[in-house]
Amino acid sequence: MKVLFVAALAEEVVALADHVPVLELGVGKVQAATTLAARLSRDPVDLVINVGTAGGLTGQPVGEVVEVAQVHQHDFDHRGVSAFVGRSLPGGPIELPGPPGATGRLATGDRIVMDAGERARLAVQADVVDMEGYAVAATSLAFEREVWLVKAVSDSADTGTVGSWADALALCSERLAAWAGGRGVLDATR
């Protein structure tokens, strides 16, 4: 099985990149989707593993690794748009088959969450929030590739997000590298 590791920013995965190549996607859903699609169109990988940081929505400690089982777009009204058109459209929640034992719920949107009200709203349906996971999942599945989303909690998705995120990068990177080693996926990139 050939594995492709992807992350929004190289800064999120410095420790992992010491062991395996990691494709830097860029920030946001469109950038992540287009960069990944370009790579998947020419690279026969079997499994895409999206690693990176995420805001914790349920009080998780910084550095906690969350394996994602379900991802949705928190900034796209899938139900409303589908109802308006009169049929179910792509863009709804995605259930992921792995990694085995994953239970995390991820909300993806094109903005940094730094508001207590928005954080509380998102926490009803998600454990963590990021800006690329949904795009990685949807793009990988469109190319018929297996996909895993794995996030390390970097901040609490509130008013202190920016400073917390920068301070947490090294710890999150180390935890993601340890996760990959523990899951035995480091040697599958070749």
Protein backbone atom coordinates (compact mmCIF):
# COMPACT_ATOMS: atom_id res chain seq x y z
CA MET A 1 0.00 0.00 0.00
CA LYS A 2 1.40 3.39 -1.01
CA VAL A 3 0.61 6.26 1.37
CA LEU A 4 0.63 10.00 0.66
CA PHE A 5 0.85 12.29 3.69
CA VAL A 6 -0.65 15.75 3.22
CA ALA A 7 -0.87 18.83 5.45
CA ALA A 8 -1.99 22.40 4.98
CA LEU A 9 1.32 23.87 6.13
CA ALA A 10 4.82 22.44 6.52
CA GLU A 11 5.03 24.10 9.95
CA GLU A 12 2.38 21.70 11.26
CA VAL A 13 4.34 18.54 10.51
CA VAL A 14 8.06 19.31 10.92
CA ALA A 15 8.68 16.20 13.05
CA LEU A 16 6.77 13.94 10.65
CA ALA A 17 8.60 15.39 7.64
CA ASP A 18 11.85 14.18 9.23
CA HIS A 19 10.61 10.64 8.45
CA VAL A 20 8.44 10.89 5.32
CA PRO A 21 7.65 13.34 2.53
CA VAL A 22 4.57 15.46 3.23
CA LEU A 23 2.71 17.33 0.47
CA GLU A 24 1.96 20.91 1.51
CA LEU A 25 -1.58 21.69 0.33
CA GLY A 26 -2.00 25.31 1.35
CA VAL A 27 -4.68 26.81 3.56
CA GLY A 28 -8.40 26.50 2.90
CA LYS A 29 -10.69 24.10 1.08
CA VAL A 30 -10.12 25.30 -2.48
CA GLN A 31 -6.34 25.38 -2.19
CA ALA A 32 -6.27 21.95 -0.54
CA ALA A 33 -8.60 20.39 -3.11
CA THR A 34 -6.79 21.74 -6.17
CA THR A 35 -3.31 20.87 -4.91
CA LEU A 36 -4.36 17.35 -3.92
CA ALA A 37 -6.29 16.75 -7.16
CA ALA A 38 -3.24 17.73 -9.21
CA ARG A 39 -1.12 15.23 -7.27
CA LEU A 40 -3.66 12.39 -7.33
CA SER A 41 -4.15 12.77 -11.08
CA ARG A 42 -0.56 11.64 -11.61
CA ASP A 43 0.38 9.63 -8.51
CA PRO A 44 -0.98 6.11 -7.87
CA VAL A 45 -1.28 6.29 -4.08
CA ASP A 46 -3.65 3.99 -2.23
CA LEU A 47 -4.15 5.96 0.98
CA VAL A 48 -4.12 9.72 1.61
CA ILE A 49 -3.43 10.68 5.23
CA ASN A 50 -4.23 14.29 6.10
CA VAL A 51 -2.32 15.30 9.22
CA GLY A 52 -2.29 18.72 10.81
CA THR A 53 -3.55 20.95 13.55
CA ALA A 54 -7.12 21.71 14.55
CA GLY A 55 -8.95 23.77 17.11
CA GLY A 56 -10.37 21.73 19.95
CA LEU A 57 -14.08 22.26 20.55
CA THR A 58 -14.69 20.02 23.55
CA GLY A 59 -11.92 20.96 25.98
CA GLN A 60 -9.22 18.61 24.70
CA PRO A 61 -5.66 19.29 25.85
CA VAL A 62 -3.17 20.76 23.39
CA GLY A 63 -1.41 17.94 21.55
CA GLU A 64 -4.24 15.42 21.78
CA VAL A 65 -4.48 13.44 18.53
CA VAL A 66 -7.97 12.99 17.08
CA GLU A 67 -8.64 10.32 14.47
CA VAL A 68 -11.62 11.48 12.41
CA ALA A 69 -14.58 9.25 11.57
CA GLN A 70 -16.93 11.97 10.25
CA VAL A 71 -16.30 15.35 8.61
CA HIS A 72 -18.67 18.11 7.52
CA GLN A 73 -18.42 21.65 6.14
CA HIS A 74 -19.51 24.07 8.84
CA ASP A 75 -19.67 26.99 6.40
CA PHE A 76 -21.82 25.32 3.72
CA ASP A 77 -25.59 24.90 4.13
CA HIS A 78 -25.83 21.52 2.42
CA ARG A 79 -29.40 20.84 3.60
CA GLY A 80 -30.61 24.29 2.60
CA VAL A 81 -29.01 24.25 -0.84
CA SER A 82 -30.24 20.71 -1.51
CA ALA A 83 -33.78 21.70 -0.45
CA PHE A 84 -33.64 24.79 -2.66
CA VAL A 85 -32.60 22.72 -5.69
CA GLY A 86 -35.01 19.91 -4.86
CA ARG A 87 -32.51 17.07 -4.61
CA SER A 88 -29.57 16.01 -2.49
CA LEU A 89 -26.34 17.51 -3.77
CA PRO A 90 -22.72 16.63 -3.02
CA GLY A 91 -21.20 18.45 -0.09
CA GLY A 92 -22.92 16.79 2.84
CA PRO A 93 -21.23 15.05 5.77
CA ILE A 94 -18.72 12.33 4.92
CA GLU A 95 -18.34 9.17 6.99
CA LEU A 96 -14.78 7.85 6.85
CA PRO A 97 -13.83 4.16 7.19
CA GLY A 98 -10.51 4.77 8.88
CA PRO A 99 -8.25 4.82 10.59
CA PRO A 100 -9.60 1.76 12.37
CA GLY A 101 -11.22 2.77 15.65
CA ALA A 102 -11.57 6.45 14.70
CA THR A 103 -14.38 8.26 16.52
CA GLY A 104 -13.60 11.97 16.03
CA ARG A 105 -15.90 14.46 14.34
CA LEU A 106 -14.36 17.27 12.30
CA ALA A 107 -15.91 20.54 11.13
CA THR A 108 -14.12 22.18 8.18
CA GLY A 109 -14.57 25.77 7.06
CA ASP A 110 -12.67 28.56 5.34
CA ARG A 111 -12.09 30.73 8.37
CA ILE A 112 -10.24 30.62 11.66
CA VAL A 113 -12.67 30.09 14.53
CA MET A 114 -11.94 32.64 17.28
CA ASP A 115 -15.38 33.29 18.73
CA ALA A 116 -16.91 31.57 21.76
CA GLY A 117 -20.39 31.56 20.22
CA GLU A 118 -19.24 29.94 17.00
CA ARG A 119 -17.12 27.49 18.96
CA ALA A 120 -20.16 26.43 21.02
CA ARG A 121 -22.31 26.08 17.88
CA LEU A 122 -19.69 23.88 16.20
CA ALA A 123 -19.15 21.74 19.31
CA VAL A 124 -22.69 20.37 18.96
CA GLN A 125 -21.65 18.43 15.84
CA ALA A 126 -17.85 18.28 16.01
CA ASP A 127 -14.93 17.65 18.32
CA VAL A 128 -12.35 19.64 16.33
CA VAL A 129 -12.34 22.31 13.60
CA ASP A 130 -9.92 22.86 10.71
CA MET A 131 -9.78 24.49 7.28
CA GLU A 132 -8.87 21.62 4.89
CA GLY A 133 -10.07 18.20 6.11
CA TYR A 134 -13.36 18.09 4.23
CA ALA A 135 -11.66 19.06 0.97
CA VAL A 136 -9.02 16.36 1.43
CA ALA A 137 -11.68 13.73 2.14
CA ALA A 138 -13.94 14.72 -0.76
CA THR A 139 -11.07 14.99 -3.25
CA SER A 140 -9.52 11.67 -2.21
CA LEU A 141 -12.84 9.88 -2.46
CA ALA A 142 -13.52 11.45 -5.88
CA PHE A 143 -10.25 9.87 -7.02
CA GLU A 144 -11.32 6.59 -5.39
CA ARG A 145 -8.54 6.68 -2.81
CA GLU A 146 -8.84 5.71 0.82
CA VAL A 147 -8.45 8.70 3.14
CA TRP A 148 -7.68 9.19 6.82
CA LEU A 149 -7.91 12.52 8.65
CA VAL A 150 -5.79 12.88 11.78
CA LYS A 151 -5.59 16.13 13.71
CA ALA A 152 -3.59 17.30 16.71
CA VAL A 153 -5.37 19.85 18.90
CA SER A 154 -3.41 23.11 18.75
CA ASP A 155 -5.77 25.57 20.42
CA SER A 156 -9.25 25.96 21.85
CA ALA A 157 -10.84 27.76 18.86
CA ASP A 158 -11.45 30.95 20.79
CA THR A 159 -10.00 34.44 21.20
CA GLY A 160 -6.51 33.12 21.98
CA THR A 161 -6.28 30.92 18.90
CA VAL A 162 -3.56 32.73 16.96
CA GLY A 163 -0.97 32.81 19.75
CA SER A 164 -1.88 29.34 21.02
CA TRP A 165 -1.55 27.80 17.56
CA ALA A 166 1.97 29.12 17.04
CA ASP A 167 3.03 27.99 20.51
CA ALA A 168 1.61 24.49 20.00
CA LEU A 169 3.13 23.66 16.60
CA ALA A 170 6.19 21.76 17.86
CA LEU A 171 4.18 19.59 20.29
CA CYS A 172 1.48 18.88 17.69
CA SER A 173 4.09 17.96 15.09
CA GLU A 174 5.77 15.54 17.50
CA ARG A 175 2.45 13.94 18.46
CA LEU A 176 1.47 13.45 14.80
CA ALA A 177 4.85 11.84 14.04
CA ALA A 178 4.41 9.53 17.04
CA TRP A 179 0.88 8.68 15.87
CA ALA A 180 2.16 7.75 12.39
CA GLY A 181 4.88 5.57 13.90
CA GLY A 182 2.38 3.89 16.18
CA ARG A 183 0.01 3.20 13.28
CA GLY A 184 2.85 1.68 11.22
CA VAL A 185 2.31 3.92 8.20
CA LEU A 186 5.75 5.55 7.97
CA ASP A 187 7.25 2.88 5.71
CA ALA A 188 4.34 2.85 3.27
CA THR A 189 5.23 6.13 1.54
CA ARG A 190 7.77 4.59 -0.80
